[in-house]
Amino acid sequence: GTSRQIPQTIIIGVRKGGTRALLEMLDIHPNIVVAATEVHFFDWDENYVKGIDWYRSLMPFSYGNQITIEKTPGYFTSPQAPERIHDMNSSIKLLLILRDPTERVISDYTQVYYNRVESHKPVQLFEDIVIKNGALNTKYKAIQRSLYDVHMEKWLKHFSLDQIHIVDGNTLIKDPLPELQKVERFLNLPSRIMSSNFYFNQTKGFYCIRSDGRERCLHESKGRPHPLVNNTVLEQLYSYFREHNAKFYKMVNHSFDWH
């Protein structure tokens, strides 16, 4: 009685915003099934040309009462993804998880830094990438990805605001349950995720998941220590994002506790 379904909900981003944590936590819900890997169907042309049947073939089997969710953080910043997703299903529900844009930039750098270290490639200090000739390097991809207002504008051309639920990534890590209950309501699902599904792991410094008699934490690549960043550089980042954040708050009728 199961079949592979095209997702009724997609976690569209943002990279280093907490997409993996959100997906793993939602996977606790009996009415949710999740795609195991990031599919990159709507943002990578070489995948998009393979067609919708190829996309469906990558989804898990589900029952009729279950929602299929996939997550690809690259969708949020992709110029093509909003229109392509709309063409597939104009009434789809989208989940967007965001965190303080400066923290997201540092986290983005940290991931690339560790990947380069593990591949024995040369690495640069955060400050040397973010500052060029004494000024903020606003062309740096990680900074571009944190301009939430710029990207959101593209999504709102294709979807109404009530189709996009924004999850507070900073809150999800500190206190997962309230954020997940909001998602349950947004997806019109019965309330099934409980506080007993989470326990705080002192070693990792964030919540791990307990369900079906199993305990699991996010992959060791999550929660890596960030570099200590020069205060002057931090202030430059805060200052640069301030105006973009204000525009974003207005766009989505909601304020966040960002610098």
Protein backbone atom coordinates (compact mmCIF):
# COMPACT_ATOMS: atom_id res chain seq x y z
CA GLY A 1 0.00 0.00 0.00
CA THR A 2 2.95 2.35 -0.33
CA SER A 3 4.27 4.37 -3.25
CA ARG A 4 6.86 7.04 -3.99
CA GLN A 5 5.31 10.52 -3.96
CA ILE A 6 6.55 13.87 -5.19
CA PRO A 7 7.17 15.93 -2.02
CA GLN A 8 4.20 17.85 -0.65
CA THR A 9 6.67 19.92 1.39
CA ILE A 10 10.24 21.03 0.67
CA ILE A 11 12.83 22.46 3.06
CA ILE A 12 14.28 25.07 0.69
CA GLY A 13 17.13 26.29 2.90
CA VAL A 14 19.10 28.05 4.04
CA ARG A 15 22.56 26.46 3.87
CA LYS A 16 24.09 26.25 7.38
CA GLY A 17 20.75 27.35 8.82
CA GLY A 18 19.88 24.03 10.48
CA THR A 19 18.21 22.18 7.59
CA ARG A 20 19.60 18.77 8.58
CA ALA A 21 18.53 19.21 12.22
CA LEU A 22 15.04 20.24 11.09
CA LEU A 23 14.68 17.27 8.73
CA GLU A 24 15.92 14.74 11.31
CA MET A 25 13.59 16.17 13.97
CA LEU A 26 10.56 16.12 11.67
CA ASP A 27 11.37 12.52 10.78
CA ILE A 28 10.16 11.59 14.29
CA HIS A 29 6.58 12.33 13.18
CA PRO A 30 4.68 9.21 12.07
CA ASN A 31 2.96 11.16 9.27
CA ILE A 32 6.24 12.36 7.74
CA VAL A 33 8.73 10.50 5.56
CA VAL A 34 11.94 12.17 4.46
CA ALA A 35 14.29 11.84 1.49
CA ALA A 36 17.63 10.49 2.66
CA THR A 37 19.85 12.81 0.62
CA GLU A 38 19.84 16.33 -0.78
CA VAL A 39 18.39 15.94 -4.25
CA HIS A 40 19.40 19.25 -5.94
CA PHE A 41 16.65 18.76 -8.52
CA PHE A 42 15.45 22.35 -8.83
CA ASP A 43 18.81 24.12 -8.57
CA TRP A 44 21.09 21.93 -10.71
CA ASP A 45 20.30 21.98 -14.42
CA GLU A 46 21.96 18.60 -14.99
CA ASN A 47 19.43 17.04 -12.58
CA TYR A 48 16.41 19.08 -13.64
CA VAL A 49 16.66 17.85 -17.24
CA LYS A 50 16.24 14.27 -15.96
CA GLY A 51 12.58 15.07 -15.34
CA ILE A 52 9.97 14.65 -12.65
CA ASP A 53 9.90 10.85 -12.77
CA TRP A 54 13.61 10.77 -11.92
CA TYR A 55 12.90 13.15 -9.03
CA ARG A 56 10.07 10.94 -7.75
CA SER A 57 12.30 7.84 -7.97
CA LEU A 58 14.58 9.37 -5.30
CA MET A 59 11.75 9.76 -2.78
CA PRO A 60 11.03 7.23 0.00
CA PHE A 61 7.98 4.97 -0.11
CA SER A 62 5.05 6.41 1.83
CA TYR A 63 1.47 5.63 2.84
CA GLY A 64 -1.44 7.79 1.75
CA ASN A 65 -1.62 9.57 5.13
CA GLN A 66 2.07 10.57 5.06
CA ILE A 67 3.75 13.72 3.80
CA THR A 68 6.99 13.35 1.85
CA ILE A 69 9.64 15.99 2.60
CA GLU A 70 12.95 16.61 0.85
CA LYS A 71 15.53 19.22 1.76
CA THR A 72 18.09 20.93 -0.42
CA PRO A 73 19.53 24.09 1.20
CA GLY A 74 20.74 25.37 -2.18
CA TYR A 75 17.16 26.00 -3.35
CA PHE A 76 16.70 29.21 -1.35
CA THR A 77 19.54 31.04 -3.11
CA SER A 78 18.95 29.49 -6.55
CA PRO A 79 17.56 31.86 -9.23
CA GLN A 80 15.67 29.01 -10.99
CA ALA A 81 14.27 27.01 -8.04
CA PRO A 82 11.21 29.17 -7.15
CA GLU A 83 9.72 29.03 -10.65
CA ARG A 84 10.57 25.36 -11.15
CA ILE A 85 8.98 24.32 -7.85
CA HIS A 86 5.92 26.44 -8.65
CA ASP A 87 5.63 24.74 -12.06
CA MET A 88 5.60 21.35 -10.30
CA ASN A 89 3.07 22.30 -7.61
CA SER A 90 1.82 25.86 -7.17
CA SER A 91 0.14 25.06 -3.82
CA ILE A 92 3.14 23.31 -2.20
CA LYS A 93 4.13 24.21 1.38
CA LEU A 94 7.71 25.36 1.88
CA LEU A 95 9.88 25.36 4.98
CA LEU A 96 12.68 27.89 5.31
CA ILE A 97 15.00 27.72 8.31
CA LEU A 98 17.10 30.81 8.99
CA ARG A 99 19.57 31.93 11.63
CA ASP A 100 21.47 35.12 12.40
CA PRO A 101 23.08 35.99 9.02
CA THR A 102 26.51 36.74 10.53
CA GLU A 103 26.54 33.40 12.38
CA ARG A 104 25.50 31.72 9.14
CA VAL A 105 28.47 33.28 7.28
CA ILE A 106 30.91 32.05 9.95
CA SER A 107 29.32 28.59 9.90
CA ASP A 108 29.56 28.53 6.09
CA TYR A 109 33.26 29.41 6.31
CA THR A 110 33.80 26.76 9.03
CA GLN A 111 32.33 23.99 6.86
CA VAL A 112 34.51 24.93 3.88
CA TYR A 113 37.55 25.31 6.16
CA TYR A 114 37.21 21.76 7.57
CA ASN A 115 36.49 20.31 4.12
CA ARG A 116 39.70 21.89 2.82
CA VAL A 117 41.73 20.72 5.82
CA GLU A 118 40.46 17.16 5.34
CA SER A 119 41.33 17.32 1.60
CA HIS A 120 44.82 18.73 2.42
CA LYS A 121 44.05 21.93 0.54
CA PRO A 122 45.34 25.36 1.61
CA VAL A 123 43.08 27.37 3.93
CA GLN A 124 42.65 31.09 4.60
CA LEU A 125 41.79 32.89 7.80
CA PHE A 126 38.19 34.09 8.00
CA GLU A 127 39.29 37.74 8.22
CA ASP A 128 41.45 37.41 5.08
CA ILE A 129 38.45 36.26 3.04
CA VAL A 130 35.85 38.62 4.51
CA ILE A 131 38.00 41.76 4.36
CA LYS A 132 39.58 42.89 1.07
CA ASN A 133 41.64 46.13 0.94
CA GLY A 134 40.27 47.18 4.31
CA ALA A 135 36.60 46.85 3.26
CA LEU A 136 34.01 44.11 3.60
CA ASN A 137 34.20 41.64 0.70
CA THR A 138 30.49 41.63 -0.13
CA LYS A 139 31.16 39.43 -3.19
CA TYR A 140 32.11 36.55 -0.85
CA LYS A 141 29.55 33.80 -1.58
CA ALA A 142 28.87 33.16 2.11
CA ILE A 143 27.87 36.83 2.57
CA GLN A 144 25.71 36.73 -0.57
CA ARG A 145 23.86 33.69 0.80
CA SER A 146 22.98 35.61 3.98
CA LEU A 147 21.12 38.39 2.12
CA TYR A 148 17.77 36.87 3.01
CA ASP A 149 15.71 39.77 1.66
CA VAL A 150 17.29 39.49 -1.82
CA HIS A 151 16.51 35.77 -2.09
CA MET A 152 13.08 35.97 -0.44
CA GLU A 153 11.94 38.50 -3.01
CA LYS A 154 12.32 35.84 -5.74
CA TRP A 155 10.24 33.33 -3.78
CA LEU A 156 7.46 35.81 -3.09
CA LYS A 157 7.07 36.35 -6.85
CA HIS A 158 5.87 32.75 -7.12
CA PHE A 159 4.43 31.86 -3.69
CA SER A 160 2.25 33.63 -1.17
CA LEU A 161 3.70 34.25 2.27
CA ASP A 162 1.27 31.80 3.87
CA GLN A 163 2.85 28.98 1.82
CA ILE A 164 6.28 29.62 3.35
CA HIS A 165 6.84 28.84 7.01
CA ILE A 166 10.00 30.31 8.51
CA VAL A 167 11.67 28.28 11.23
CA ASP A 168 13.94 30.14 13.63
CA GLY A 169 17.19 28.17 13.43
CA ASN A 170 18.67 29.86 16.51
CA THR A 171 15.64 28.80 18.59
CA LEU A 172 15.42 25.28 17.10
CA ILE A 173 18.90 24.45 18.43
CA LYS A 174 18.23 25.87 21.92
CA ASP A 175 14.65 24.64 22.38
CA PRO A 176 13.42 22.42 19.51
CA LEU A 177 9.87 21.56 20.57
CA PRO A 178 8.05 24.92 20.13
CA GLU A 179 9.51 25.39 16.65
CA LEU A 180 8.53 21.85 15.62
CA GLN A 181 4.99 22.30 16.96
CA LYS A 182 4.63 25.36 14.74
CA VAL A 183 5.69 23.23 11.76
CA GLU A 184 3.14 20.54 12.70
CA ARG A 185 0.41 23.20 12.68
CA PHE A 186 1.63 24.68 9.39
CA LEU A 187 1.48 21.22 7.76
CA ASN A 188 -1.92 20.47 9.34
CA LEU A 189 -0.53 17.40 11.09
CA PRO A 190 -1.63 15.99 14.44
CA SER A 191 0.66 16.95 17.30
CA ARG A 192 2.98 13.94 17.73
CA ILE A 193 6.43 15.37 18.51
CA MET A 194 7.01 15.62 22.27
CA SER A 195 9.66 16.94 24.65
CA SER A 196 10.58 13.33 25.51
CA ASN A 197 11.88 13.01 21.92
CA PHE A 198 14.86 15.23 22.77
CA TYR A 199 17.72 15.21 25.23
CA PHE A 200 20.58 17.65 25.59
CA ASN A 201 24.00 16.25 24.78
CA GLN A 202 26.54 18.07 26.97
CA THR A 203 29.50 16.95 24.85
CA LYS A 204 28.08 18.17 21.54
CA GLY A 205 26.34 21.18 23.05
CA PHE A 206 23.02 20.61 21.30
CA TYR A 207 19.90 18.45 21.42
CA CYS A 208 19.88 14.87 20.18
CA ILE A 209 16.86 12.81 19.16
CA ARG A 210 15.15 9.90 20.89
CA SER A 211 12.46 7.97 19.00
CA ASP A 212 11.37 4.35 18.43
CA GLY A 213 13.65 3.30 21.28
CA ARG A 214 16.69 4.68 19.45
CA GLU A 215 18.87 7.66 20.22
CA ARG A 216 20.70 9.59 17.54
CA CYS A 217 22.70 12.78 17.27
CA LEU A 218 23.52 14.80 14.20
CA HIS A 219 26.66 13.91 12.25
CA GLU A 220 29.98 14.92 13.79
CA SER A 221 30.37 17.58 11.08
CA LYS A 222 27.53 19.46 12.79
CA GLY A 223 28.25 21.77 15.70
CA ARG A 224 31.95 22.19 14.89
CA PRO A 225 33.65 24.98 16.83
CA HIS A 226 33.64 28.30 14.98
CA PRO A 227 36.80 30.40 14.76
CA LEU A 228 37.10 33.38 17.08
CA VAL A 229 36.43 36.37 14.85
CA ASN A 230 37.95 39.80 15.31
CA ASN A 231 35.37 42.15 16.91
CA THR A 232 35.89 44.89 14.32
CA VAL A 233 35.13 42.42 11.53
CA LEU A 234 32.05 41.17 13.41
CA GLU A 235 30.78 44.74 13.73
CA GLN A 236 31.30 45.31 10.00
CA LEU A 237 29.21 42.22 9.25
CA TYR A 238 26.47 43.21 11.72
CA SER A 239 26.35 46.68 10.21
CA TYR A 240 26.20 45.38 6.63
CA PHE A 241 23.35 42.96 7.35
CA ARG A 242 21.30 45.39 9.47
CA GLU A 243 19.52 47.05 6.53
CA HIS A 244 18.97 43.74 4.73
CA ASN A 245 17.52 42.22 7.91
CA ALA A 246 15.15 45.16 8.38
CA LYS A 247 13.89 44.72 4.80
CA PHE A 248 13.45 41.01 5.37
CA TYR A 249 11.48 41.51 8.63
CA LYS A 250 9.11 43.85 6.76
CA MET A 251 8.77 41.39 3.88
CA VAL A 252 7.74 38.49 6.13
CA ASN A 253 5.90 40.50 8.84
CA HIS A 254 8.12 39.03 11.52
CA SER A 255 11.21 40.14 13.42
CA PHE A 256 14.05 37.93 14.55
CA ASP A 257 16.58 38.40 17.31
CA TRP A 258 19.53 38.93 14.99
CA HIS A 259 22.37 41.41 15.42
